[in-house]
């Protein structure tokens, strides 16, 4: 991977892997005053050890990354990668200043927090839970593993992708916060998850016994309805009432056929 730092002072794949693994312990320490500052400094420690050999410089490095930080824990690799690149530029004298790094962290932490909270907490986790419940109805305990896989596998892949993108783009990484693929995925999961949940709430609670064939057909029908509504860009306020009505109809059909 290319670098802007001086020879012998560059970050390699091993260092990025170290940062990546440390990011899973990002919230191991939390402060009411400075929020996630110790977690950020902990993740940046491999960078400091490689770039700054002088004890005074290393101490200054640690202190500036113990400043206030508050962002989404799953998107922090994006910021870590960008700050690592900026530290390289600071060392090489490539027009980077310490104040630039501090201001960047403050600005991007808020933006990444907003994007990450919507995608992970408000969208991906509820969506995984809904599909986990659906899987639990058919396969029992396996529904738990479906939920864990749907949430953790995309999270781990995205964390590594964002770390490498952050390191590649540096301060220009803000463009990644406007990634249209992430926005589309969130929109699709919100609609699909809401429709499946409404179907489950009505169809599966309408009676104690049910036929697998009806449930399978109903789920496929709801999925087709979701895709159709998404392509037509119909708002949530219309999508969800339609989904509820369709779910009620399926529930009535299930009750009519013993």
Protein backbone atom coordinates (compact mmCIF):
# COMPACT_ATOMS: atom_id res chain seq x y z
CA UNK A 1 0.00 0.00 0.00
CA UNK A 2 1.43 3.38 -0.92
CA UNK A 3 2.28 6.00 1.69
CA UNK A 4 3.22 9.65 2.00
CA UNK A 5 5.55 9.22 4.97
CA UNK A 6 9.30 9.01 4.99
CA UNK A 7 11.08 5.68 4.43
CA UNK A 8 10.78 3.38 7.42
CA UNK A 9 7.87 5.39 8.78
CA UNK A 10 4.99 3.95 6.83
CA UNK A 11 2.03 1.85 7.86
CA UNK A 12 1.84 -1.62 6.41
CA UNK A 13 -0.90 -4.23 6.22
CA UNK A 14 0.09 -5.66 9.59
CA UNK A 15 -0.45 -2.27 11.24
CA UNK A 16 -3.85 -1.85 9.62
CA UNK A 17 -4.84 -5.32 10.82
CA UNK A 18 -3.75 -4.33 14.32
CA UNK A 19 -5.94 -1.23 14.18
CA UNK A 20 -8.82 -3.29 12.83
CA UNK A 21 -8.63 -5.85 15.65
CA UNK A 22 -8.33 -3.13 18.27
CA UNK A 23 -11.44 -1.41 16.91
CA UNK A 24 -13.54 -4.29 18.27
CA UNK A 25 -12.57 -3.09 21.77
CA UNK A 26 -13.21 0.55 20.94
CA UNK A 27 -15.88 0.91 23.63
CA UNK A 28 -14.02 -1.07 26.28
CA UNK A 29 -13.53 2.17 28.18
CA UNK A 30 -16.10 4.98 28.23
CA UNK A 31 -15.91 8.39 29.89
CA UNK A 32 -18.85 10.69 30.54
CA UNK A 33 -16.57 13.68 30.01
CA UNK A 34 -14.55 12.62 26.98
CA UNK A 35 -16.76 9.76 25.78
CA UNK A 36 -14.75 7.35 23.57
CA UNK A 37 -11.38 9.10 23.72
CA UNK A 38 -9.48 6.26 25.38
CA UNK A 39 -10.84 3.78 22.85
CA UNK A 40 -9.70 6.01 20.00
CA UNK A 41 -6.23 6.39 21.51
CA UNK A 42 -6.03 2.63 22.06
CA UNK A 43 -6.79 1.95 18.39
CA UNK A 44 -4.24 4.55 17.24
CA UNK A 45 -1.45 3.19 19.43
CA UNK A 46 0.10 0.99 16.67
CA UNK A 47 0.32 4.07 14.44
CA UNK A 48 2.16 6.08 17.08
CA UNK A 49 4.67 3.33 17.79
CA UNK A 50 5.66 3.16 14.12
CA UNK A 51 5.67 6.85 13.24
CA UNK A 52 7.02 8.48 16.38
CA UNK A 53 10.20 7.01 17.89
CA UNK A 54 11.09 9.95 20.10
CA UNK A 55 9.42 9.55 23.56
CA UNK A 56 8.33 13.20 23.62
CA UNK A 57 6.72 12.93 20.18
CA UNK A 58 5.01 9.68 21.12
CA UNK A 59 3.65 11.26 24.30
CA UNK A 60 2.31 14.22 22.32
CA UNK A 61 0.74 11.78 19.86
CA UNK A 62 -1.05 9.92 22.64
CA UNK A 63 -2.27 13.12 24.31
CA UNK A 64 -3.79 14.54 21.13
CA UNK A 65 -5.71 11.35 20.56
CA UNK A 66 -7.00 11.38 24.11
CA UNK A 67 -9.06 14.42 23.20
CA UNK A 68 -12.85 14.25 23.24
CA UNK A 69 -14.30 11.84 20.69
CA UNK A 70 -17.84 10.59 20.25
CA UNK A 71 -18.94 8.65 17.17
CA UNK A 72 -20.52 5.43 16.00
CA UNK A 73 -18.36 2.46 17.11
CA UNK A 74 -18.89 0.59 13.84
CA UNK A 75 -17.84 3.50 11.64
CA UNK A 76 -14.82 4.52 13.70
CA UNK A 77 -12.42 2.55 11.41
CA UNK A 78 -13.22 5.11 8.71
CA UNK A 79 -11.95 7.90 10.98
CA UNK A 80 -9.02 5.83 12.28
CA UNK A 81 -7.77 5.14 8.76
CA UNK A 82 -8.05 8.78 7.75
CA UNK A 83 -6.31 10.04 10.89
CA UNK A 84 -3.53 7.48 10.40
CA UNK A 85 -2.94 8.87 6.91
CA UNK A 86 -2.97 12.42 8.29
CA UNK A 87 -0.39 11.45 10.93
CA UNK A 88 1.86 10.18 8.15
CA UNK A 89 1.53 13.50 6.37
CA UNK A 90 2.21 15.37 9.60
CA UNK A 91 5.47 13.45 10.05
CA UNK A 92 6.59 13.98 6.45
CA UNK A 93 5.81 17.71 6.56
CA UNK A 94 3.28 17.44 3.77
CA UNK A 95 1.30 20.53 4.76
CA UNK A 96 -0.55 18.81 7.61
CA UNK A 97 -0.85 20.44 11.03
CA UNK A 98 -1.86 19.08 14.43
CA UNK A 99 -4.85 21.44 14.52
CA UNK A 100 -6.02 20.01 11.19
CA UNK A 101 -6.16 16.53 12.72
CA UNK A 102 -8.07 17.71 15.79
CA UNK A 103 -10.61 19.68 13.75
CA UNK A 104 -11.07 16.77 11.35
CA UNK A 105 -11.79 14.35 14.21
CA UNK A 106 -14.39 16.65 15.73
CA UNK A 107 -16.19 17.25 12.45
CA UNK A 108 -16.15 13.70 11.11
CA UNK A 109 -17.03 12.05 14.44
CA UNK A 110 -20.40 13.80 14.47
CA UNK A 111 -21.13 13.08 10.82
CA UNK A 112 -20.09 9.42 11.03
CA UNK A 113 -22.08 9.06 14.24
CA UNK A 114 -25.26 10.23 12.53
CA UNK A 115 -24.74 7.98 9.48
CA UNK A 116 -23.65 4.98 11.51
CA UNK A 117 -26.47 5.22 14.04
CA UNK A 118 -29.04 5.22 11.29
CA UNK A 119 -27.52 2.34 9.36
CA UNK A 120 -26.53 0.01 12.21
CA UNK A 121 -28.85 0.75 15.14
CA UNK A 122 -31.97 1.90 13.33
CA UNK A 123 -31.79 -0.29 10.22
CA UNK A 124 -29.41 -3.26 10.14
CA UNK A 125 -30.03 -4.53 13.68
CA UNK A 126 -33.87 -4.39 13.48
CA UNK A 127 -33.77 -5.91 10.00
CA UNK A 128 -31.61 -8.79 11.21
CA UNK A 129 -33.94 -9.29 14.16
CA UNK A 130 -37.01 -9.50 11.91
CA UNK A 131 -35.41 -12.06 9.63
CA UNK A 132 -34.13 -13.93 12.68
CA UNK A 133 -37.70 -14.17 13.99
CA UNK A 134 -38.90 -15.38 10.61
CA UNK A 135 -36.17 -18.05 10.56
CA UNK A 136 -36.98 -19.05 14.16
CA UNK A 137 -40.57 -19.85 13.20
CA UNK A 138 -39.40 -22.39 10.62
CA UNK A 139 -36.08 -23.57 12.06
CA UNK A 140 -36.30 -22.84 15.77
CA UNK A 141 -33.00 -21.97 17.47
CA UNK A 142 -31.30 -21.40 14.13
CA UNK A 143 -33.10 -18.05 14.02
CA UNK A 144 -30.63 -16.77 16.61
CA UNK A 145 -27.70 -17.61 14.35
CA UNK A 146 -29.45 -16.01 11.38
CA UNK A 147 -29.74 -12.76 13.33
CA UNK A 148 -26.13 -12.87 14.50
CA UNK A 149 -24.86 -13.60 10.98
CA UNK A 150 -26.96 -10.88 9.33
CA UNK A 151 -25.71 -8.26 11.76
CA UNK A 152 -22.10 -9.25 12.38
CA UNK A 153 -20.88 -10.35 8.94
CA UNK A 154 -21.77 -7.07 7.15
CA UNK A 155 -20.44 -5.14 10.13
CA UNK A 156 -17.04 -6.85 10.06
CA UNK A 157 -16.72 -6.45 6.28
CA UNK A 158 -17.72 -2.79 6.37
CA UNK A 159 -15.31 -2.03 9.20
CA UNK A 160 -12.37 -3.35 7.20
CA UNK A 161 -13.56 -1.60 4.03
CA UNK A 162 -13.91 1.71 5.84
CA UNK A 163 -10.49 1.38 7.49
CA UNK A 164 -8.74 0.87 4.16
CA UNK A 165 -10.79 3.60 2.49
CA UNK A 166 -10.01 6.00 5.29
CA UNK A 167 -6.29 5.28 4.98
CA UNK A 168 -6.46 5.65 1.22
CA UNK A 169 -8.44 8.90 1.12
CA UNK A 170 -7.23 10.68 4.24
CA UNK A 171 -9.24 13.86 4.97
CA UNK A 172 -11.13 13.35 1.71
CA UNK A 173 -12.85 10.38 3.33
CA UNK A 174 -15.91 12.55 3.99
CA UNK A 175 -17.15 11.50 0.55
CA UNK A 176 -17.57 7.98 1.95
CA UNK A 177 -20.17 9.33 4.39
CA UNK A 178 -22.36 10.04 1.38
CA UNK A 179 -22.02 6.56 -0.08
CA UNK A 180 -25.20 5.98 -2.09
CA UNK A 181 -24.97 2.20 -1.79
CA UNK A 182 -25.18 2.45 2.00
CA UNK A 183 -28.14 4.81 1.76
CA UNK A 184 -29.95 2.52 -0.68
CA UNK A 185 -29.28 -0.53 1.47
CA UNK A 186 -30.68 1.26 4.53
CA UNK A 187 -33.78 2.35 2.62
CA UNK A 188 -34.38 -1.17 1.30
CA UNK A 189 -33.98 -2.78 4.72
CA UNK A 190 -36.31 -0.27 6.35
CA UNK A 191 -39.08 -1.01 3.87
CA UNK A 192 -38.56 -4.75 3.62
CA UNK A 193 -38.17 -5.22 7.35
CA UNK A 194 -41.29 -3.20 8.13
CA UNK A 195 -43.41 -5.15 5.66
CA UNK A 196 -42.19 -8.56 6.86
CA UNK A 197 -42.75 -7.52 10.47
CA UNK A 198 -46.32 -6.43 9.77
CA UNK A 199 -46.95 -9.73 8.00
CA UNK A 200 -45.56 -11.70 10.95
CA UNK A 201 -47.55 -9.69 13.48
CA UNK A 202 -50.88 -10.39 11.78
CA UNK A 203 -50.50 -13.70 9.97
CA UNK A 204 -48.69 -15.67 12.66
CA UNK A 205 -50.76 -14.38 15.54
CA UNK A 206 -54.08 -14.99 13.79
CA UNK A 207 -54.15 -18.63 14.90
CA UNK A 208 -52.07 -21.15 16.77
CA UNK A 209 -51.65 -23.52 13.85
CA UNK A 210 -50.62 -22.58 10.35
CA UNK A 211 -49.66 -24.16 7.09
CA UNK A 212 -46.10 -23.77 5.87
CA UNK A 213 -47.24 -23.45 2.26
CA UNK A 214 -49.45 -20.45 3.06
CA UNK A 215 -46.71 -18.76 5.05
CA UNK A 216 -44.15 -19.32 2.30
CA UNK A 217 -46.49 -18.00 -0.36
CA UNK A 218 -47.38 -15.03 1.81
CA UNK A 219 -43.75 -14.15 2.47
CA UNK A 220 -42.92 -14.30 -1.24
CA UNK A 221 -45.93 -12.13 -2.02
CA UNK A 222 -44.93 -9.55 0.58
CA UNK A 223 -41.37 -9.49 -0.80
CA UNK A 224 -42.62 -8.87 -4.35
CA UNK A 225 -44.86 -6.10 -3.04
CA UNK A 226 -41.87 -4.52 -1.27
CA UNK A 227 -39.71 -4.47 -4.41
CA UNK A 228 -42.54 -2.98 -6.45
CA UNK A 229 -43.14 -0.21 -3.94
CA UNK A 230 -39.43 0.55 -3.65
CA UNK A 231 -39.03 0.93 -7.40
CA UNK A 232 -41.93 3.35 -7.44
CA UNK A 233 -40.31 5.31 -4.55
CA UNK A 234 -43.47 5.25 -2.45
CA UNK A 235 -43.02 6.79 1.01
CA UNK A 236 -43.03 4.81 4.25
CA UNK A 237 -46.32 6.37 5.33
CA UNK A 238 -47.99 4.60 2.41
CA UNK A 239 -45.89 1.43 2.31
CA UNK A 240 -46.61 0.32 5.87
CA UNK A 241 -50.43 0.69 5.78
CA UNK A 242 -50.49 -1.28 2.53
CA UNK A 243 -48.31 -3.96 4.12
CA UNK A 244 -50.60 -4.18 7.15
CA UNK A 245 -53.67 -4.56 4.95
CA UNK A 246 -52.04 -7.30 2.91
CA UNK A 247 -50.91 -9.05 6.09
CA UNK A 248 -54.46 -8.93 7.48
CA UNK A 249 -55.79 -10.45 4.26
CA UNK A 250 -53.29 -13.30 4.51
CA UNK A 251 -54.22 -13.80 8.14
CA UNK A 252 -57.89 -14.10 7.22
CA UNK A 253 -57.06 -16.53 4.42
CA UNK A 254 -55.06 -18.69 6.83
CA UNK A 255 -58.02 -18.81 9.24
CA UNK A 256 -60.44 -19.73 6.45
CA UNK A 257 -58.53 -22.87 5.51
CA UNK A 258 -58.17 -25.37 8.37
